[in-house]
Amino acid sequence: MTKVARLPKDPGPTGWAAILEPPPPARRLDEDTTADWLIIGAGFAGLAAARRLTQLRGSDRIVLLEASRVGLGPAGRNSGFMVDLPHNLNSDDYGGSLDDDRTQIAQNRSAIEFAAEAAEEYALPREAFDPRGKINAAATDKGIGHNAAYARHLDALGERHETLDEAAMRALTGTAYYKGGLFTPGAAILQPAMFVRGVAAGLAAKVAIHEESPVTELQRTGADWRAVTPGGAVIAPRVILAVNGHAESFGYFARRLMHVFTYASMTRALKPEEVAALGGAPAWGVTPSDPMGSSVRRVSGTGGDRIVVRNRFTYDPGMEVSERRLGGVARSHDASFAARFPMLNGVAMEYRWGGRLCLSWNGVPAFGEVEDGLFAACCQNGLGTTKGTLAGLCAADLAAQGNAPHVAELQSAAEPRRLPPEPLTWIGANATMRWKEWRAGREL
């Protein structure tokens, strides 16, 4: 028997969920039950696994347990970019080797296609899933250089892209902060909480989804697994663990996962005169030319016109951060916002939050059958929307013996590399991130 060592703690209210209408009351697990399939975690990986199982084993009973509410955990706390192209956060320009990147692109596009099909099947609005592509924005000459290097890498890969000059960036964003940008057409931009809520609602007719039902024990009982929650238990022969770094709390991949938080702030809704002062397009999103810089979104529609700023990373092996930490990061967000949008002086941030990432030292997933009947779809290495969808899809396919591509590729990846002992990893990881943020300069 494994007693789950800790439960997820997500700092601050995620603005993506807060600007939506309140969801219906949670349907908690309140009895003991059986299932053919149990999925733990209702983020991108868990929902993708559930949807794939409905395709492969539509007559089976599928149960999904979520510790919080759908959209309040890490899946509803990211920047909302579903990226198809190489996006290596440890690289200066996101790129890696050509062969590895071609594999990554094919995998990522399979995940985006799967998500697009879900958005269409469940009639999600365009703001939930918008396949408009994305822009790497550069605020410095160094950032322009990063974009140019990335463009050369994309040329070698045979991938389409378009260079945007300062005037084009100002016409899009309304700000003169950016010197240029690099547009690539294959990414999708999500309202992440709206997307995962919509997918969960679409699955509800075929999948029993129980929220506010954290798994506190997971044990093998003969040929089955038994997952215990505060209100009841689920017994099933096959379990998909779709909890990203929280897998370590279940006793798997110990000292092989790096628990990193990133942070975001969202403004209050802009007034009509502020929208006019800003100008630009009503909805856009940019990732930074330097991986440690600021991602910025302008959203309009549900919840009004708002700006979202995401930057800063911290390594926190305890998988929780203090309110003091969140307050310190808030000052960085305010400075980044003020530098980019001086015409919005006086516009306050309404929501601030942190979100958990999981990385491995060697950039590989924690994927596969870790015990008989127990399958992991974890460790997305900072690309939870895309890699989470891919991992969930492939874990379900592996477990149900489907025919999805890329399963063998994920299975053949190396095991996540063991981390040095603490506090060496804490000191090294945080020092490295602070140095890279300093190097990012105005891109932050």
Protein backbone atom coordinates (compact mmCIF):
# COMPACT_ATOMS: atom_id res chain seq x y z
CA MET A 1 0.00 0.00 0.00
CA THR A 2 1.19 3.51 -0.83
CA LYS A 3 -0.07 6.37 1.30
CA VAL A 4 0.11 9.50 -0.81
CA ALA A 5 2.78 11.61 0.85
CA ARG A 6 1.25 15.03 0.14
CA LEU A 7 -1.56 16.67 -1.78
CA PRO A 8 -1.24 19.39 -4.41
CA LYS A 9 -1.17 23.03 -3.26
CA ASP A 10 -1.66 25.68 -5.92
CA PRO A 11 -0.93 29.26 -4.84
CA GLY A 12 -3.33 32.06 -5.62
CA PRO A 13 -6.61 32.06 -7.56
CA THR A 14 -6.08 31.33 -11.24
CA GLY A 15 -7.58 34.17 -13.25
CA TRP A 16 -8.47 31.89 -16.15
CA ALA A 17 -11.04 30.12 -13.99
CA ALA A 18 -12.06 33.16 -11.95
CA ILE A 19 -13.36 35.07 -15.00
CA LEU A 20 -15.64 32.18 -16.01
CA GLU A 21 -19.11 31.51 -14.68
CA PRO A 22 -18.97 29.38 -11.51
CA PRO A 23 -19.13 25.65 -12.30
CA PRO A 24 -21.91 23.43 -10.97
CA PRO A 25 -21.28 21.82 -7.58
CA ALA A 26 -18.54 19.22 -7.48
CA ARG A 27 -19.61 15.60 -7.78
CA ARG A 28 -17.42 14.04 -5.10
CA LEU A 29 -16.79 10.32 -4.82
CA ASP A 30 -18.99 9.34 -1.86
CA GLU A 31 -19.03 5.54 -2.04
CA ASP A 32 -16.92 2.53 -2.92
CA THR A 33 -17.20 1.56 -6.57
CA THR A 34 -15.56 -0.49 -9.29
CA ALA A 35 -14.44 0.43 -12.78
CA ASP A 36 -12.66 -1.03 -15.76
CA TRP A 37 -10.40 2.02 -15.88
CA LEU A 38 -9.34 4.58 -13.29
CA ILE A 39 -7.64 7.83 -14.25
CA ILE A 40 -6.11 9.98 -11.52
CA GLY A 41 -5.88 13.66 -12.46
CA ALA A 42 -8.18 15.77 -14.65
CA GLY A 43 -5.62 17.98 -16.35
CA PHE A 44 -4.59 17.80 -19.99
CA ALA A 45 -3.12 14.30 -19.60
CA GLY A 46 -6.02 12.82 -17.65
CA LEU A 47 -8.69 14.27 -19.92
CA ALA A 48 -6.83 13.14 -23.04
CA ALA A 49 -6.52 9.65 -21.57
CA ALA A 50 -10.22 9.59 -20.76
CA ARG A 51 -11.22 10.71 -24.23
CA ARG A 52 -8.94 8.16 -25.88
CA LEU A 53 -10.38 5.38 -23.73
CA THR A 54 -13.90 6.34 -24.79
CA GLN A 55 -12.72 5.86 -28.38
CA LEU A 56 -11.01 2.53 -27.76
CA ARG A 57 -13.17 1.02 -25.00
CA GLY A 58 -16.42 2.91 -25.24
CA SER A 59 -18.45 0.25 -23.42
CA ASP A 60 -16.07 0.07 -20.43
CA ARG A 61 -16.71 1.91 -17.16
CA ILE A 62 -14.22 4.76 -16.82
CA VAL A 63 -13.77 6.73 -13.59
CA LEU A 64 -11.70 9.90 -13.29
CA LEU A 65 -10.66 11.34 -9.91
CA GLU A 66 -9.57 14.96 -9.51
CA ALA A 67 -8.16 16.30 -6.25
CA SER A 68 -9.42 19.85 -6.83
CA ARG A 69 -11.89 21.23 -9.39
CA VAL A 70 -11.32 20.87 -13.13
CA GLY A 71 -9.49 24.01 -14.26
CA LEU A 72 -8.24 25.05 -10.81
CA GLY A 73 -5.08 22.92 -10.86
CA PRO A 74 -2.03 23.28 -13.10
CA ALA A 75 -4.07 22.76 -16.30
CA GLY A 76 -5.90 26.02 -15.59
CA ARG A 77 -2.79 27.92 -14.54
CA ASN A 78 -0.59 27.94 -17.64
CA SER A 79 -0.16 30.60 -20.32
CA GLY A 80 -2.42 28.76 -22.75
CA PHE A 81 0.05 28.15 -25.57
CA MET A 82 -0.22 24.73 -27.26
CA VAL A 83 3.09 24.72 -29.10
CA ASP A 84 3.89 22.50 -32.07
CA LEU A 85 7.52 23.49 -32.72
CA PRO A 86 10.62 22.81 -30.60
CA HIS A 87 10.30 24.59 -27.26
CA ASN A 88 13.30 23.53 -25.18
CA LEU A 89 13.37 25.82 -22.11
CA ASN A 90 17.03 24.97 -21.50
CA SER A 91 18.06 26.36 -24.90
CA ASP A 92 18.75 30.01 -25.75
CA ASP A 93 16.54 29.76 -28.86
CA TYR A 94 14.24 26.78 -27.99
CA GLY A 95 15.87 24.50 -30.57
CA GLY A 96 17.63 21.16 -30.24
CA SER A 97 19.07 18.65 -32.69
CA LEU A 98 17.29 18.43 -36.04
CA ASP A 99 16.36 14.75 -35.69
CA ASP A 100 15.07 15.16 -32.14
CA ASP A 101 13.14 18.28 -33.11
CA ARG A 102 11.46 16.58 -36.07
CA THR A 103 10.29 13.85 -33.71
CA GLN A 104 9.06 16.45 -31.21
CA ILE A 105 7.16 18.34 -33.92
CA ALA A 106 5.37 15.22 -35.11
CA GLN A 107 4.43 14.32 -31.54
CA ASN A 108 3.26 17.83 -30.71
CA ARG A 109 1.13 18.08 -33.82
CA SER A 110 -0.57 14.79 -33.02
CA ALA A 111 -1.48 16.21 -29.62
CA ILE A 112 -2.76 19.47 -31.09
CA GLU A 113 -4.84 17.59 -33.63
CA PHE A 114 -6.32 15.46 -30.84
CA ALA A 115 -7.17 18.60 -28.87
CA ALA A 116 -8.66 20.27 -31.95
CA GLU A 117 -10.88 17.25 -32.54
CA ALA A 118 -12.05 17.42 -28.92
CA ALA A 119 -12.82 21.14 -29.25
CA GLU A 120 -14.90 20.43 -32.34
CA GLU A 121 -16.63 17.36 -30.89
CA TYR A 122 -17.65 19.20 -27.73
CA ALA A 123 -18.51 22.46 -29.56
CA LEU A 124 -16.08 24.58 -27.56
CA PRO A 125 -15.98 28.31 -28.38
CA ARG A 126 -13.10 29.75 -30.37
CA GLU A 127 -11.63 31.48 -27.32
CA ALA A 128 -11.25 28.07 -25.63
CA PHE A 129 -9.17 26.67 -28.51
CA ASP A 130 -7.89 29.06 -31.18
CA PRO A 131 -5.47 27.58 -33.79
CA ARG A 132 -4.08 30.97 -34.77
CA GLY A 133 -0.34 30.32 -34.33
CA LYS A 134 1.92 32.29 -32.02
CA ILE A 135 4.70 34.87 -31.97
CA ASN A 136 8.10 34.89 -30.31
CA ALA A 137 8.40 38.55 -29.29
CA ALA A 138 11.78 40.29 -28.99
CA ALA A 139 12.31 43.44 -26.92
CA THR A 140 16.09 43.74 -27.43
CA ASP A 141 18.73 43.32 -30.10
CA LYS A 142 19.78 40.16 -28.28
CA GLY A 143 16.19 38.91 -28.54
CA ILE A 144 16.17 39.70 -32.26
CA GLY A 145 19.31 37.58 -32.49
CA HIS A 146 17.60 34.69 -30.68
CA ASN A 147 14.70 34.89 -33.13
CA ALA A 148 17.07 34.96 -36.10
CA ALA A 149 18.89 31.87 -34.82
CA TYR A 150 15.57 30.12 -34.30
CA ALA A 151 14.43 31.11 -37.79
CA ARG A 152 17.57 29.53 -39.26
CA HIS A 153 16.82 26.39 -37.26
CA LEU A 154 13.26 26.36 -38.61
CA ASP A 155 14.61 26.79 -42.15
CA ALA A 156 16.75 23.69 -41.64
CA LEU A 157 13.65 21.85 -40.44
CA GLY A 158 11.63 23.07 -43.42
CA GLU A 159 9.12 24.85 -41.14
CA ARG A 160 7.17 27.95 -42.12
CA HIS A 161 7.70 31.21 -40.27
CA GLU A 162 7.38 34.97 -40.79
CA THR A 163 9.54 37.74 -39.37
CA LEU A 164 7.61 40.73 -38.00
CA ASP A 165 9.20 44.16 -37.69
CA GLU A 166 8.70 46.73 -34.95
CA ALA A 167 5.77 48.39 -36.73
CA ALA A 168 3.95 45.07 -37.17
CA MET A 169 4.43 44.21 -33.50
CA ARG A 170 3.09 47.60 -32.43
CA ALA A 171 0.06 47.25 -34.71
CA LEU A 172 -0.66 43.86 -33.11
CA THR A 173 0.05 44.59 -29.44
CA GLY A 174 -0.51 48.34 -29.17
CA THR A 175 2.86 48.77 -27.45
CA ALA A 176 6.19 50.06 -28.77
CA TYR A 177 8.08 47.76 -26.39
CA TYR A 178 8.85 45.05 -28.93
CA LYS A 179 11.50 45.43 -31.63
CA GLY A 180 10.33 42.45 -33.64
CA GLY A 181 8.72 39.04 -33.63
CA LEU A 182 8.79 35.63 -35.24
CA PHE A 183 5.38 34.22 -36.22
CA THR A 184 4.84 30.47 -36.62
CA PRO A 185 1.41 29.23 -37.71
CA GLY A 186 1.06 25.79 -36.13
CA ALA A 187 0.39 26.59 -32.46
CA ALA A 188 -3.01 26.91 -30.82
CA ILE A 189 -3.82 29.42 -28.09
CA LEU A 190 -6.20 28.34 -25.34
CA GLN A 191 -8.25 29.80 -22.56
CA PRO A 192 -6.95 26.87 -20.54
CA ALA A 193 -9.60 26.71 -17.81
CA MET A 194 -12.38 27.07 -20.38
CA PHE A 195 -10.84 24.33 -22.51
CA VAL A 196 -10.40 21.72 -19.78
CA ARG A 197 -13.82 22.48 -18.30
CA GLY A 198 -15.37 22.11 -21.74
CA VAL A 199 -13.62 18.80 -22.42
CA ALA A 200 -14.64 17.46 -19.00
CA ALA A 201 -18.26 18.47 -19.65
CA GLY A 202 -18.13 16.76 -23.03
CA LEU A 203 -16.81 13.56 -21.48
CA ALA A 204 -19.30 13.50 -18.63
CA ALA A 205 -21.80 11.33 -20.53
CA LYS A 206 -19.22 8.54 -20.87
CA VAL A 207 -16.83 9.10 -17.96
CA ALA A 208 -17.67 9.33 -14.24
CA ILE A 209 -15.71 12.44 -13.18
CA HIS A 210 -15.39 13.03 -9.43
CA GLU A 211 -13.89 16.35 -8.31
CA GLU A 212 -12.65 17.28 -4.84
CA SER A 213 -11.77 13.61 -4.49
CA PRO A 214 -8.02 13.40 -3.86
CA VAL A 215 -6.44 9.96 -3.81
CA THR A 216 -4.87 9.44 -0.39
CA GLU A 217 -3.90 5.77 -0.78
CA LEU A 218 -3.16 3.59 -3.80
CA GLN A 219 -2.67 -0.12 -3.24
CA ARG A 220 -2.51 -3.37 -5.14
CA THR A 221 -5.25 -5.84 -4.18
CA GLY A 222 -4.80 -9.09 -6.08
CA ALA A 223 -5.24 -8.36 -9.79
CA ASP A 224 -6.70 -4.89 -9.13
CA TRP A 225 -5.75 -1.49 -7.82
CA ARG A 226 -7.64 0.26 -5.03
CA ALA A 227 -7.57 4.05 -4.85
CA VAL A 228 -8.86 5.55 -1.60
CA THR A 229 -10.30 9.06 -1.31
CA PRO A 230 -11.86 10.80 1.73
CA GLY A 231 -15.34 9.79 0.57
CA GLY A 232 -14.88 6.35 -0.96
CA ALA A 233 -12.66 4.08 -3.01
CA VAL A 234 -12.37 2.89 -6.61
CA ILE A 235 -11.23 -0.62 -7.50
CA ALA A 236 -10.02 -1.10 -11.07
CA PRO A 237 -7.61 -3.44 -12.87
CA ARG A 238 -5.96 -0.60 -14.82
CA VAL A 239 -4.97 2.86 -13.61
CA ILE A 240 -3.55 5.82 -15.50
CA LEU A 241 -1.59 8.18 -13.26
CA ALA A 242 -1.91 11.60 -14.91
CA VAL A 243 -0.68 13.86 -12.12
CA ASN A 244 2.58 15.22 -13.57
CA GLY A 245 5.11 15.86 -10.77
CA HIS A 246 2.64 14.73 -8.12
CA ALA A 247 3.58 11.18 -9.22
CA GLU A 248 6.47 11.41 -6.77
CA SER A 249 3.94 11.75 -3.92
CA PHE A 250 2.63 8.31 -4.94
CA GLY A 251 6.11 6.85 -4.56
CA TYR A 252 7.14 6.81 -8.23
CA PHE A 253 10.17 8.44 -9.90
CA ALA A 254 11.65 9.45 -6.53
CA ARG A 255 14.43 12.05 -6.88
CA ARG A 256 13.98 12.04 -10.65
CA LEU A 257 11.49 14.91 -11.04
CA MET A 258 12.17 18.62 -10.72
CA HIS A 259 9.25 20.54 -9.24
CA VAL A 260 9.20 24.06 -10.66
CA PHE A 261 6.67 26.85 -10.24
CA THR A 262 6.01 29.58 -12.75
CA TYR A 263 3.82 32.59 -12.05
CA ALA A 264 1.25 34.81 -13.74
CA SER A 265 -0.83 37.93 -13.09
CA MET A 266 -4.03 39.07 -14.82
CA THR A 267 -5.33 42.63 -14.88
CA ARG A 268 -8.82 43.68 -14.02
CA ALA A 269 -11.08 44.16 -17.02
CA LEU A 270 -10.03 47.22 -19.02
CA LYS A 271 -12.42 50.13 -19.34
CA PRO A 272 -13.49 51.26 -22.83
CA GLU A 273 -11.19 54.29 -22.72
CA GLU A 274 -8.27 52.06 -21.69
CA VAL A 275 -8.98 49.67 -24.55
CA ALA A 276 -8.93 52.67 -26.90
CA ALA A 277 -5.66 53.94 -25.40
CA LEU A 278 -4.03 50.53 -25.83
CA GLY A 279 -5.10 49.92 -29.42
CA GLY A 280 -3.80 46.86 -31.22
CA ALA A 281 -5.68 43.63 -31.81
CA PRO A 282 -8.33 42.52 -29.31
CA ALA A 283 -6.71 39.14 -28.70
CA TRP A 284 -3.11 38.03 -29.12
CA GLY A 285 -0.37 36.08 -27.36
CA VAL A 286 3.42 36.24 -27.43
CA THR A 287 6.05 33.99 -25.97
CA PRO A 288 9.47 35.52 -25.27
CA SER A 289 12.40 35.21 -27.66
CA ASP A 290 14.47 34.30 -24.58
CA PRO A 291 12.93 31.25 -22.82
CA MET A 292 13.29 32.99 -19.43
CA GLY A 293 11.45 36.13 -20.56
CA SER A 294 7.79 37.11 -20.24
CA SER A 295 4.87 35.50 -22.03
CA VAL A 296 2.09 38.05 -22.52
CA ARG A 297 -1.53 37.55 -23.53
CA ARG A 298 -4.30 39.99 -24.36
CA VAL A 299 -7.69 38.35 -24.01
CA SER A 300 -11.15 39.66 -24.85
CA GLY A 301 -14.56 38.07 -24.62
CA THR A 302 -15.53 36.17 -21.49
CA GLY A 303 -14.42 38.26 -18.53
CA GLY A 304 -13.72 41.38 -20.61
CA ASP A 305 -10.49 42.78 -22.06
CA ARG A 306 -7.50 41.85 -19.92
CA ILE A 307 -3.71 41.49 -20.04
CA VAL A 308 -1.91 38.45 -18.63
CA VAL A 309 1.82 38.49 -17.82
CA ARG A 310 3.73 35.29 -17.05
CA ASN A 311 7.35 35.20 -15.94
CA ARG A 312 9.72 33.90 -13.25
CA PHE A 313 10.53 30.30 -12.33
CA THR A 314 11.45 28.77 -8.98
CA TYR A 315 12.49 25.24 -8.02
CA ASP A 316 10.50 24.05 -5.00
CA PRO A 317 10.88 20.32 -4.24
CA GLY A 318 8.14 20.50 -1.58
CA MET A 319 5.62 21.35 -4.35
CA GLU A 320 4.30 24.42 -2.56
CA VAL A 321 5.30 28.06 -2.26
CA SER A 322 4.53 30.75 0.28
CA GLU A 323 2.35 33.82 -0.10
CA ARG A 324 5.52 35.82 0.50
CA ARG A 325 7.06 34.24 -2.59
CA LEU A 326 3.97 35.07 -4.62
CA GLY A 327 4.16 38.67 -3.40
CA GLY A 328 7.78 38.98 -4.45
CA VAL A 329 7.06 37.66 -7.92
CA ALA A 330 4.12 40.09 -8.17
CA ARG A 331 6.57 43.00 -8.15
CA SER A 332 8.33 41.51 -11.17
CA HIS A 333 5.01 41.17 -13.00
CA ASP A 334 4.06 44.75 -12.22
CA ALA A 335 7.39 45.99 -13.53
CA SER A 336 7.07 43.94 -16.74
CA PHE A 337 3.51 45.17 -17.27
CA ALA A 338 4.38 48.83 -16.62
CA ALA A 339 7.33 48.71 -19.03
CA ARG A 340 5.21 47.28 -21.83
CA PHE A 341 2.00 49.21 -21.30
CA PRO A 342 2.70 52.74 -20.04
CA MET A 343 -0.61 53.86 -21.56
CA LEU A 344 -2.35 51.62 -18.98
CA ASN A 345 -0.81 53.31 -15.95
CA GLY A 346 -3.10 52.71 -12.99
CA VAL A 347 -4.53 49.41 -14.24
CA ALA A 348 -4.19 46.95 -11.38
CA MET A 349 -3.73 43.20 -11.38
CA GLU A 350 -6.85 41.44 -10.17
CA TYR A 351 -5.55 37.87 -10.01
CA ARG A 352 -2.11 36.45 -9.26
CA TRP A 353 -1.21 32.78 -9.16
CA GLY A 354 1.48 30.16 -9.44
CA GLY A 355 1.41 26.93 -11.41
CA ARG A 356 3.36 23.71 -10.96
CA LEU A 357 5.61 22.39 -13.71
CA CYS A 358 7.50 19.13 -13.76
CA LEU A 359 10.85 18.77 -15.51
CA SER A 360 13.38 16.00 -15.71
CA TRP A 361 17.09 16.72 -15.73
CA ASN A 362 17.49 15.06 -19.13
CA GLY A 363 14.23 16.42 -20.59
CA VAL A 364 12.39 13.10 -20.91
CA PRO A 365 8.88 12.12 -19.76
CA ALA A 366 7.94 9.84 -16.88
CA PHE A 367 5.90 7.52 -19.08
CA GLY A 368 4.93 3.90 -19.34
CA GLU A 369 3.77 0.93 -17.28
CA VAL A 370 5.45 1.44 -13.91
CA GLU A 371 3.75 -1.56 -12.30
CA ASP A 372 1.41 -4.22 -13.64
CA GLY A 373 -1.73 -2.35 -14.68
CA LEU A 374 -0.44 1.07 -13.55
CA PHE A 375 0.53 3.50 -16.33
CA ALA A 376 2.25 6.87 -15.88
CA ALA A 377 1.58 9.87 -18.12
CA CYS A 378 3.71 12.39 -16.26
CA CYS A 379 6.55 14.93 -16.49
CA GLN A 380 5.70 17.27 -19.35
CA ASN A 381 8.90 19.35 -19.13
CA GLY A 382 7.16 22.71 -19.18
CA LEU A 383 4.77 22.00 -22.06
CA GLY A 384 1.77 20.72 -20.15
CA THR A 385 -0.85 21.60 -22.74
CA THR A 386 0.86 19.75 -25.59
CA LYS A 387 2.98 17.12 -23.87
CA GLY A 388 0.27 16.41 -21.32
CA THR A 389 -2.25 15.75 -24.08
CA LEU A 390 0.29 13.55 -25.87
CA ALA A 391 1.16 11.59 -22.72
CA GLY A 392 -2.47 10.96 -21.79
CA LEU A 393 -3.40 9.90 -25.31
CA CYS A 394 -0.42 7.57 -25.55
CA ALA A 395 -0.80 6.10 -22.05
CA ALA A 396 -4.42 5.17 -22.80
CA ASP A 397 -3.34 3.71 -26.12
CA LEU A 398 -0.57 1.70 -24.51
CA ALA A 399 -2.87 0.37 -21.79
CA ALA A 400 -5.75 -0.44 -24.16
CA GLN A 401 -3.51 -1.72 -26.98
CA GLY A 402 -4.60 0.86 -29.52
CA ASN A 403 -2.76 2.01 -32.61
CA ALA A 404 -1.87 5.67 -31.94
CA PRO A 405 1.50 6.83 -33.26
CA HIS A 406 4.34 7.89 -30.95
CA VAL A 407 3.67 5.38 -28.15
CA ALA A 408 6.84 3.45 -28.94
CA GLU A 409 8.84 6.72 -29.05
CA LEU A 410 7.73 7.67 -25.56
CA GLN A 411 8.37 4.14 -24.30
CA SER A 412 11.88 4.11 -25.70
CA ALA A 413 12.91 7.38 -24.05
CA ALA A 414 15.56 7.18 -21.37
CA GLU A 415 14.49 7.06 -17.73
CA PRO A 416 14.41 10.46 -16.00
CA ARG A 417 17.89 11.06 -14.66
CA ARG A 418 18.40 10.95 -10.90
CA LEU A 419 18.88 14.37 -9.31
CA PRO A 420 21.77 15.29 -7.01
CA PRO A 421 20.92 15.30 -3.30
CA GLU A 422 19.31 18.29 -1.65
CA PRO A 423 20.17 21.05 -1.02
CA LEU A 424 22.55 20.84 -3.98
CA THR A 425 19.74 20.60 -6.54
CA TRP A 426 17.81 23.46 -4.90
CA ILE A 427 20.87 25.71 -4.86
CA GLY A 428 21.96 24.81 -8.39
CA ALA A 429 18.52 24.98 -10.01
CA ASN A 430 17.49 28.29 -8.46
CA ALA A 431 20.90 29.87 -9.05
CA THR A 432 20.77 28.82 -12.70
CA MET A 433 17.27 30.24 -13.15
CA ARG A 434 18.15 33.55 -11.46
CA TRP A 435 21.23 33.87 -13.71
CA LYS A 436 19.21 33.13 -16.84
CA GLU A 437 16.53 35.63 -15.81
CA TRP A 438 19.24 38.26 -15.30
CA ARG A 439 20.62 37.48 -18.75
CA ALA A 440 17.13 37.86 -20.24
CA GLY A 441 17.19 41.56 -19.34
CA ARG A 442 14.35 43.50 -20.96
CA GLU A 443 12.89 40.27 -22.36
CA LEU A 444 11.73 39.69 -18.77
